[in-house]
Amino acid sequence: MTDEPSKDRRVKVYQLNGEGQWDDNGTGHVTLTAVPEENTFQMEVQCEDSGNVLLEHKVLREIDYARQGETIITWCQTDNPDLALSFQETAGCTDVWN
């Protein structure tokens, strides 16, 4: 067993800009951590090059998440720009989606 991140959870993080185009915010690996007291999960994407956090997001029922195709998850929030995760592998997208 290795400490290397799983390839199936490798993602690109995209953010919708003011012109309606998707900006690439970097590539990294997504992890989900249960937050039992809130009955939710905390999602984090850590940059594969720098180790910096590219995205921190609390998964909430009131947010409209959508799966597009086999490898993309998008969501919209009222006070924030639209975000998308594009997975390298279908298995990682399915794992996070479920």
C-alpha atoms as a PDB file:
ATOM      1  CA  MET A   1       0.000   0.000   0.000  1.00  0.00           C
ATOM      2  CA  THR A   2       1.262   3.492  -0.841  1.00  0.00           C
ATOM      3  CA  ASP A   3       0.519   6.971   0.451  1.00  0.00           C
ATOM      4  CA  GLU A   4       0.053   8.269  -3.104  1.00  0.00           C
ATOM      5  CA  PRO A   5      -3.382   9.701  -3.926  1.00  0.00           C
ATOM      6  CA  SER A   6      -5.707   7.446  -5.877  1.00  0.00           C
ATOM      7  CA  LYS A   7      -5.615   8.118  -9.621  1.00  0.00           C
ATOM      8  CA  ASP A   8      -9.365   7.622  -9.879  1.00  0.00           C
ATOM      9  CA  ARG A   9      -9.960  10.677  -7.665  1.00  0.00           C
ATOM     10  CA  ARG A  10      -7.713  12.969  -9.712  1.00  0.00           C
ATOM     11  CA  VAL A  11      -9.675  16.042 -10.802  1.00  0.00           C
ATOM     12  CA  LYS A  12      -9.461  19.402 -12.492  1.00  0.00           C
ATOM     13  CA  VAL A  13     -11.304  22.187 -10.664  1.00  0.00           C
ATOM     14  CA  TYR A  14     -13.203  24.656 -12.835  1.00  0.00           C
ATOM     15  CA  GLN A  15     -14.981  27.899 -11.931  1.00  0.00           C
ATOM     16  CA  LEU A  16     -17.434  29.734 -14.167  1.00  0.00           C
ATOM     17  CA  ASN A  17     -16.246  33.284 -14.871  1.00  0.00           C
ATOM     18  CA  GLY A  18     -18.247  36.428 -15.641  1.00  0.00           C
ATOM     19  CA  GLU A  19     -18.108  35.768 -19.394  1.00  0.00           C
ATOM     20  CA  GLY A  20     -19.685  32.324 -19.015  1.00  0.00           C
ATOM     21  CA  GLN A  21     -16.406  30.489 -19.634  1.00  0.00           C
ATOM     22  CA  TRP A  22     -14.919  27.797 -17.380  1.00  0.00           C
ATOM     23  CA  ASP A  23     -11.578  28.788 -15.818  1.00  0.00           C
ATOM     24  CA  ASP A  24      -9.168  25.964 -14.916  1.00  0.00           C
ATOM     25  CA  ASN A  25      -8.233  26.431 -11.240  1.00  0.00           C
ATOM     26  CA  GLY A  26      -5.801  23.526 -11.105  1.00  0.00           C
ATOM     27  CA  THR A  27      -5.429  19.764 -10.891  1.00  0.00           C
ATOM     28  CA  GLY A  28      -5.439  17.764  -7.707  1.00  0.00           C
ATOM     29  CA  HIS A  29      -6.954  14.930  -5.722  1.00  0.00           C
ATOM     30  CA  VAL A  30     -10.341  15.073  -4.019  1.00  0.00           C
ATOM     31  CA  THR A  31     -11.063  13.699  -0.559  1.00  0.00           C
ATOM     32  CA  LEU A  32     -14.351  13.496   1.310  1.00  0.00           C
ATOM     33  CA  THR A  33     -14.484  13.585   5.097  1.00  0.00           C
ATOM     34  CA  ALA A  34     -17.670  12.754   6.983  1.00  0.00           C
ATOM     35  CA  VAL A  35     -19.047  15.422   9.329  1.00  0.00           C
ATOM     36  CA  PRO A  36     -21.463  13.205  11.326  1.00  0.00           C
ATOM     37  CA  GLU A  37     -22.772  15.922  13.636  1.00  0.00           C
ATOM     38  CA  GLU A  38     -24.003  17.826  10.560  1.00  0.00           C
ATOM     39  CA  ASN A  39     -24.959  14.712   8.567  1.00  0.00           C
ATOM     40  CA  THR A  40     -22.827  15.869   5.630  1.00  0.00           C
ATOM     41  CA  PHE A  41     -19.353  15.646   4.073  1.00  0.00           C
ATOM     42  CA  GLN A  42     -16.483  18.092   3.705  1.00  0.00           C
ATOM     43  CA  MET A  43     -14.880  17.974   0.246  1.00  0.00           C
ATOM     44  CA  GLU A  44     -11.310  19.099  -0.310  1.00  0.00           C
ATOM     45  CA  VAL A  45      -9.177  19.162  -3.438  1.00  0.00           C
ATOM     46  CA  GLN A  46      -5.442  19.360  -2.823  1.00  0.00           C
ATOM     47  CA  CYS A  47      -3.158  20.510  -5.661  1.00  0.00           C
ATOM     48  CA  GLU A  48      -1.015  17.668  -6.960  1.00  0.00           C
ATOM     49  CA  ASP A  49       1.960  19.985  -7.591  1.00  0.00           C
ATOM     50  CA  SER A  50       2.066  22.403  -4.669  1.00  0.00           C
ATOM     51  CA  GLY A  51      -0.039  20.628  -2.062  1.00  0.00           C
ATOM     52  CA  ASN A  52      -2.127  23.804  -1.669  1.00  0.00           C
ATOM     53  CA  VAL A  53      -5.868  23.478  -1.184  1.00  0.00           C
ATOM     54  CA  LEU A  54      -7.654  24.281  -4.462  1.00  0.00           C
ATOM     55  CA  LEU A  55     -11.170  23.800  -3.114  1.00  0.00           C
ATOM     56  CA  GLU A  56     -12.896  23.373   0.230  1.00  0.00           C
ATOM     57  CA  HIS A  57     -16.607  22.682   0.032  1.00  0.00           C
ATOM     58  CA  LYS A  58     -19.255  21.436   2.436  1.00  0.00           C
ATOM     59  CA  VAL A  59     -21.690  19.110   0.659  1.00  0.00           C
ATOM     60  CA  LEU A  60     -25.203  20.360   1.497  1.00  0.00           C
ATOM     61  CA  ARG A  61     -28.651  19.065   0.531  1.00  0.00           C
ATOM     62  CA  GLU A  62     -29.869  22.517  -0.526  1.00  0.00           C
ATOM     63  CA  ILE A  63     -27.166  22.854  -3.197  1.00  0.00           C
ATOM     64  CA  ASP A  64     -28.133  21.769  -6.717  1.00  0.00           C
ATOM     65  CA  TYR A  65     -25.489  19.211  -7.776  1.00  0.00           C
ATOM     66  CA  ALA A  66     -25.536  17.668 -11.257  1.00  0.00           C
ATOM     67  CA  ARG A  67     -23.578  14.864 -12.851  1.00  0.00           C
ATOM     68  CA  GLN A  68     -22.756  15.559 -16.481  1.00  0.00           C
ATOM     69  CA  GLY A  69     -21.682  12.538 -18.446  1.00  0.00           C
ATOM     70  CA  GLU A  70     -19.439  10.007 -16.771  1.00  0.00           C
ATOM     71  CA  THR A  71     -16.750  12.264 -15.302  1.00  0.00           C
ATOM     72  CA  ILE A  72     -18.091  15.717 -14.378  1.00  0.00           C
ATOM     73  CA  ILE A  73     -19.910  17.005 -11.288  1.00  0.00           C
ATOM     74  CA  THR A  74     -21.155  20.610 -11.247  1.00  0.00           C
ATOM     75  CA  TRP A  75     -22.970  22.726  -8.696  1.00  0.00           C
ATOM     76  CA  CYS A  76     -24.363  26.207  -8.226  1.00  0.00           C
ATOM     77  CA  GLN A  77     -24.473  28.259  -5.052  1.00  0.00           C
ATOM     78  CA  THR A  78     -26.333  31.520  -4.597  1.00  0.00           C
ATOM     79  CA  ASP A  79     -23.410  33.614  -3.335  1.00  0.00           C
ATOM     80  CA  ASN A  80     -20.560  31.899  -5.228  1.00  0.00           C
ATOM     81  CA  PRO A  81     -19.634  31.191  -8.839  1.00  0.00           C
ATOM     82  CA  ASP A  82     -20.611  27.847 -10.365  1.00  0.00           C
ATOM     83  CA  LEU A  83     -18.020  25.119  -9.824  1.00  0.00           C
ATOM     84  CA  ALA A  84     -17.176  21.859 -11.574  1.00  0.00           C
ATOM     85  CA  LEU A  85     -14.960  18.876 -10.931  1.00  0.00           C
ATOM     86  CA  SER A  86     -13.751  16.985 -13.970  1.00  0.00           C
ATOM     87  CA  PHE A  87     -12.487  13.538 -12.971  1.00  0.00           C
ATOM     88  CA  GLN A  88      -9.722  11.706 -14.800  1.00  0.00           C
ATOM     89  CA  GLU A  89     -11.478   8.377 -14.187  1.00  0.00           C
ATOM     90  CA  THR A  90     -15.185   7.449 -14.248  1.00  0.00           C
ATOM     91  CA  ALA A  91     -14.756   5.338 -11.092  1.00  0.00           C
ATOM     92  CA  GLY A  92     -13.677   8.374  -9.044  1.00  0.00           C
ATOM     93  CA  CYS A  93     -16.622  10.435 -10.235  1.00  0.00           C
ATOM     94  CA  THR A  94     -19.025   7.598  -9.417  1.00  0.00           C
ATOM     95  CA  ASP A  95     -17.463   7.138  -5.978  1.00  0.00           C
ATOM     96  CA  VAL A  96     -17.804  10.818  -5.060  1.00  0.00           C
ATOM     97  CA  TRP A  97     -21.274  11.116  -6.625  1.00  0.00           C
ATOM     98  CA  ASN A  98     -22.610   8.201  -4.581  1.00  0.00           C
END
